[in-house]
N, C-alpha and C. Protein backbone atom coordinates (compact mmCIF):
# COMPACT_ATOMS: atom_id res chain seq x y z
N MET A 1 7.38 -6.37 -17.04
CA MET A 1 7.24 -6.04 -18.29
C MET A 1 6.87 -4.78 -18.21
N SER A 2 7.22 -4.05 -19.59
CA SER A 2 7.01 -2.46 -19.54
C SER A 2 5.74 -2.65 -20.42
N VAL A 3 4.94 -1.58 -20.13
CA VAL A 3 3.74 -1.06 -20.83
C VAL A 3 3.33 0.29 -20.78
N ASP A 4 2.71 0.63 -21.87
CA ASP A 4 2.32 1.86 -21.94
C ASP A 4 1.19 2.61 -21.02
N VAL A 5 1.44 3.77 -20.76
CA VAL A 5 0.53 4.25 -19.53
C VAL A 5 -0.77 4.35 -20.00
N GLN A 6 -1.26 4.07 -21.38
CA GLN A 6 -2.56 4.23 -21.97
C GLN A 6 -3.31 2.66 -21.74
N SER A 7 -2.36 1.67 -21.54
CA SER A 7 -2.80 0.40 -21.37
C SER A 7 -3.76 0.06 -20.54
N THR A 8 -5.01 -0.83 -20.49
CA THR A 8 -5.81 -1.12 -19.69
C THR A 8 -5.28 -2.27 -19.01
N PHE A 9 -6.08 -2.52 -18.00
CA PHE A 9 -5.81 -3.81 -17.44
C PHE A 9 -6.15 -5.16 -17.89
N PRO A 10 -7.49 -5.02 -18.99
CA PRO A 10 -7.63 -6.19 -19.88
C PRO A 10 -6.59 -6.57 -20.87
N ASP A 11 -5.69 -5.21 -21.28
CA ASP A 11 -4.74 -5.53 -22.08
C ASP A 11 -3.70 -6.31 -21.19
N LEU A 12 -3.16 -5.63 -20.21
CA LEU A 12 -2.32 -6.28 -19.37
C LEU A 12 -2.47 -7.60 -18.92
N LEU A 13 -3.53 -8.26 -18.73
CA LEU A 13 -4.06 -9.35 -18.42
C LEU A 13 -3.78 -10.18 -19.51
N GLU A 14 -3.90 -9.86 -20.69
CA GLU A 14 -4.01 -10.74 -21.91
C GLU A 14 -2.20 -11.04 -22.25
N ALA A 15 -1.82 -9.79 -22.34
CA ALA A 15 -0.40 -9.88 -22.35
C ALA A 15 0.54 -10.73 -21.13
N SER A 16 -0.13 -10.54 -20.14
CA SER A 16 0.38 -11.60 -18.87
C SER A 16 0.03 -13.09 -19.34
N LYS A 17 -1.09 -13.32 -19.87
CA LYS A 17 -1.47 -14.45 -20.15
C LYS A 17 -0.37 -15.45 -21.27
N GLN A 18 -0.31 -14.45 -22.28
CA GLN A 18 0.65 -14.93 -23.11
C GLN A 18 2.24 -15.06 -22.78
N LEU A 19 2.36 -14.51 -21.81
CA LEU A 19 3.95 -14.50 -21.12
C LEU A 19 4.01 -15.70 -20.42
N PHE A 20 2.85 -15.92 -19.64
CA PHE A 20 3.20 -17.34 -18.79
C PHE A 20 2.17 -18.32 -19.34
N PHE A 21 1.47 -18.23 -20.45
CA PHE A 21 0.71 -19.61 -20.69
C PHE A 21 1.23 -19.47 -22.57
N PRO A 22 2.34 -19.43 -23.06
CA PRO A 22 2.68 -19.59 -24.20
C PRO A 22 2.04 -20.60 -25.16
N ASP A 23 1.13 -20.03 -25.98
CA ASP A 23 0.53 -21.11 -27.00
C ASP A 23 -0.66 -21.49 -25.89
N GLY A 24 -0.97 -21.10 -24.87
CA GLY A 24 -2.29 -21.22 -24.03
C GLY A 24 -1.66 -22.53 -23.30
N VAL A 25 -0.84 -22.73 -22.97
CA VAL A 25 -0.34 -23.89 -22.02
C VAL A 25 1.15 -23.20 -21.25
N SER A 26 1.02 -23.90 -20.00
CA SER A 26 2.06 -23.80 -19.14
C SER A 26 2.22 -25.11 -18.35
N LYS A 27 3.45 -25.24 -17.41
CA LYS A 27 3.42 -26.55 -16.85
C LYS A 27 2.33 -26.63 -16.01
N LYS A 28 1.66 -25.81 -15.34
CA LYS A 28 0.26 -26.06 -14.90
C LYS A 28 -0.61 -26.50 -15.14
N GLY A 29 -0.91 -26.20 -16.51
CA GLY A 29 -2.25 -26.60 -17.34
C GLY A 29 -2.52 -25.63 -18.59
N MET A 30 -3.87 -25.63 -19.10
CA MET A 30 -4.25 -25.07 -20.20
C MET A 30 -4.43 -23.85 -19.80
N VAL A 31 -4.53 -22.66 -20.39
CA VAL A 31 -5.11 -21.36 -19.91
C VAL A 31 -6.41 -21.40 -19.61
N ASP A 32 -7.25 -22.09 -20.24
CA ASP A 32 -8.83 -22.17 -20.04
C ASP A 32 -9.12 -22.96 -18.68
N GLU A 33 -8.43 -23.29 -18.00
CA GLU A 33 -8.33 -24.26 -16.49
C GLU A 33 -8.19 -23.41 -15.60
N PHE A 34 -7.86 -22.11 -15.86
CA PHE A 34 -7.58 -21.05 -14.90
C PHE A 34 -8.80 -19.86 -14.72
N GLU A 35 -8.66 -19.16 -13.61
CA GLU A 35 -9.41 -17.62 -13.79
C GLU A 35 -8.20 -16.78 -13.28
N PHE A 36 -8.32 -15.64 -13.90
CA PHE A 36 -7.25 -14.91 -13.69
C PHE A 36 -7.65 -13.33 -13.30
N THR A 37 -6.78 -12.91 -12.52
CA THR A 37 -6.88 -11.60 -11.80
C THR A 37 -5.71 -10.89 -11.97
N ILE A 38 -5.70 -9.66 -11.73
CA ILE A 38 -4.38 -8.51 -11.81
C ILE A 38 -4.84 -7.96 -10.35
N ARG A 39 -3.83 -8.16 -9.50
CA ARG A 39 -3.92 -7.65 -8.20
C ARG A 39 -2.52 -6.73 -7.74
N SER A 40 -2.82 -5.69 -6.90
CA SER A 40 -1.82 -5.18 -6.74
C SER A 40 -0.67 -5.68 -5.26
N PHE A 41 0.35 -5.08 -5.10
CA PHE A 41 1.10 -5.55 -4.00
C PHE A 41 0.69 -6.22 -2.55
N ASP A 42 -0.68 -5.32 -2.43
CA ASP A 42 -1.20 -5.79 -1.48
C ASP A 42 -2.46 -6.97 -1.51
N HIS A 43 -2.33 -7.60 -2.53
CA HIS A 43 -3.39 -8.46 -2.65
C HIS A 43 -4.66 -7.94 -3.40
N THR A 44 -5.04 -6.67 -3.24
CA THR A 44 -6.01 -6.17 -3.65
C THR A 44 -6.26 -6.19 -5.13
N GLU A 45 -7.66 -7.02 -5.44
CA GLU A 45 -7.96 -7.07 -6.72
C GLU A 45 -7.98 -5.41 -7.56
N LEU A 46 -7.80 -5.55 -8.76
CA LEU A 46 -7.45 -4.09 -9.41
C LEU A 46 -8.72 -4.32 -10.22
N GLU A 47 -9.18 -2.79 -10.49
CA GLU A 47 -10.61 -2.60 -11.14
C GLU A 47 -9.96 -2.49 -12.66
N LEU A 48 -10.62 -3.40 -13.59
CA LEU A 48 -10.20 -3.43 -14.66
C LEU A 48 -10.31 -2.38 -15.89
N ASP A 49 -11.22 -1.58 -15.27
CA ASP A 49 -11.83 -0.39 -16.35
C ASP A 49 -10.57 0.89 -16.08
N LEU A 50 -9.69 0.77 -15.31
CA LEU A 50 -8.65 1.71 -15.07
C LEU A 50 -7.53 1.38 -16.47
N THR A 51 -6.59 2.65 -16.35
CA THR A 51 -5.71 2.78 -17.34
C THR A 51 -4.61 2.35 -16.06
N ILE A 52 -3.26 2.17 -16.79
CA ILE A 52 -1.93 1.59 -15.83
C ILE A 52 -1.66 3.52 -15.45
N GLY A 53 -1.80 4.21 -16.30
CA GLY A 53 -1.60 5.67 -16.27
C GLY A 53 -2.55 6.29 -14.99
N GLU A 54 -3.84 5.69 -15.03
CA GLU A 54 -4.72 6.06 -13.74
C GLU A 54 -4.42 5.65 -12.50
N LEU A 55 -3.98 4.38 -12.72
CA LEU A 55 -3.51 3.99 -11.27
C LEU A 55 -2.28 4.48 -10.74
N LEU A 56 -1.18 4.92 -11.84
CA LEU A 56 0.12 5.45 -11.15
C LEU A 56 -0.45 6.69 -10.65
N GLU A 57 -1.11 7.52 -11.37
CA GLU A 57 -1.82 8.82 -10.79
C GLU A 57 -2.37 8.65 -9.46
N ARG A 58 -3.15 7.55 -9.26
CA ARG A 58 -3.77 7.51 -8.06
C ARG A 58 -2.80 6.85 -6.47
N THR A 59 -1.93 6.06 -7.21
CA THR A 59 -1.12 5.44 -6.04
C THR A 59 0.37 6.65 -5.94
N LYS A 60 0.64 7.34 -7.03
CA LYS A 60 1.67 8.25 -6.74
C LYS A 60 2.93 7.87 -6.72
N VAL A 61 3.09 6.46 -7.32
CA VAL A 61 4.20 5.41 -7.32
C VAL A 61 4.78 5.91 -8.67
N LYS A 62 6.26 5.71 -8.66
CA LYS A 62 6.82 5.74 -10.15
C LYS A 62 6.94 4.75 -11.16
N LEU A 63 7.31 3.56 -10.08
CA LEU A 63 6.95 2.37 -10.66
C LEU A 63 5.85 1.45 -10.29
N LEU A 64 4.99 0.70 -10.83
CA LEU A 64 4.03 0.17 -10.32
C LEU A 64 4.14 -1.31 -10.55
N HIS A 65 3.90 -1.92 -9.44
CA HIS A 65 4.15 -3.41 -9.39
C HIS A 65 2.66 -3.95 -9.61
N VAL A 66 2.31 -5.00 -10.17
CA VAL A 66 0.95 -5.59 -10.28
C VAL A 66 1.43 -7.22 -10.60
N TYR A 67 0.40 -8.04 -10.23
CA TYR A 67 0.80 -9.29 -9.99
C TYR A 67 -0.29 -10.16 -10.96
N LEU A 68 -0.05 -10.90 -11.78
CA LEU A 68 -1.10 -11.94 -12.03
C LEU A 68 -1.27 -13.06 -11.54
N THR A 69 -2.80 -13.20 -10.86
CA THR A 69 -3.02 -14.52 -10.06
C THR A 69 -3.80 -15.18 -10.87
N THR A 70 -3.80 -16.61 -10.32
CA THR A 70 -4.50 -17.75 -11.16
C THR A 70 -5.27 -18.63 -9.80
N ILE A 71 -6.41 -19.00 -10.11
CA ILE A 71 -7.34 -19.68 -9.35
C ILE A 71 -7.70 -20.86 -10.51
N SER A 72 -7.42 -22.27 -9.79
CA SER A 72 -7.64 -23.18 -10.95
C SER A 72 -9.49 -23.58 -10.99
N LYS A 73 -9.81 -24.00 -12.27
CA LYS A 73 -11.03 -24.00 -12.43
C LYS A 73 -11.46 -25.39 -11.99
N VAL A 74 -10.37 -26.46 -12.25
CA VAL A 74 -10.60 -27.79 -12.14
C VAL A 74 -10.28 -28.15 -10.66
N THR A 75 -11.13 -28.90 -10.15
CA THR A 75 -11.24 -29.27 -8.88
C THR A 75 -10.65 -30.92 -8.92
N GLU A 76 -10.04 -31.26 -7.63
CA GLU A 76 -9.42 -32.82 -7.63
C GLU A 76 -10.48 -33.62 -8.00
N HIS A 77 -11.83 -33.58 -7.80
CA HIS A 77 -12.97 -34.40 -7.89
C HIS A 77 -13.65 -34.51 -9.36
N ASP A 78 -13.16 -33.52 -9.94
CA ASP A 78 -13.94 -33.39 -11.43
C ASP A 78 -13.76 -34.81 -12.60
N ASP A 79 -12.43 -35.57 -12.01
CA ASP A 79 -12.31 -36.75 -12.74
C ASP A 79 -12.90 -37.92 -12.22
N ILE A 80 -13.43 -37.99 -10.91
CA ILE A 80 -14.49 -39.04 -10.32
C ILE A 80 -15.95 -38.97 -11.12
N THR A 81 -16.16 -39.89 -11.37
CA THR A 81 -17.53 -40.22 -11.56
C THR A 81 -18.32 -40.82 -10.62
N THR A 82 -19.69 -40.56 -10.19
CA THR A 82 -20.35 -41.09 -9.36
C THR A 82 -21.11 -42.59 -10.21
N PRO A 83 -21.12 -43.56 -9.67
CA PRO A 83 -21.94 -44.53 -10.32
C PRO A 83 -23.38 -44.25 -10.55
N SER A 84 -24.34 -44.38 -11.35
CA SER A 84 -25.76 -44.42 -10.94
C SER A 84 -26.45 -45.70 -10.34
N VAL A 85 -27.50 -45.35 -9.74
CA VAL A 85 -28.02 -46.49 -9.32
C VAL A 85 -29.33 -46.63 -10.05
């Protein structure tokens, strides 16, 4: 997606969530079931207080590639209840 160089990474994070989780849902689950980060091509988590322009200036690249990553908050064992004694 194309974004303004003054956009911040929290802006990008929200736009990405809306893109991949329209109406808060994807085939993988609900948006609130995941933790999200923005990472660079080398898998480094990016500082959220930077703007896109600041990162472009730091990296000296003309086209920036960043990735939305997700980690499920729900574990397989969340559905299992332990009987009380």
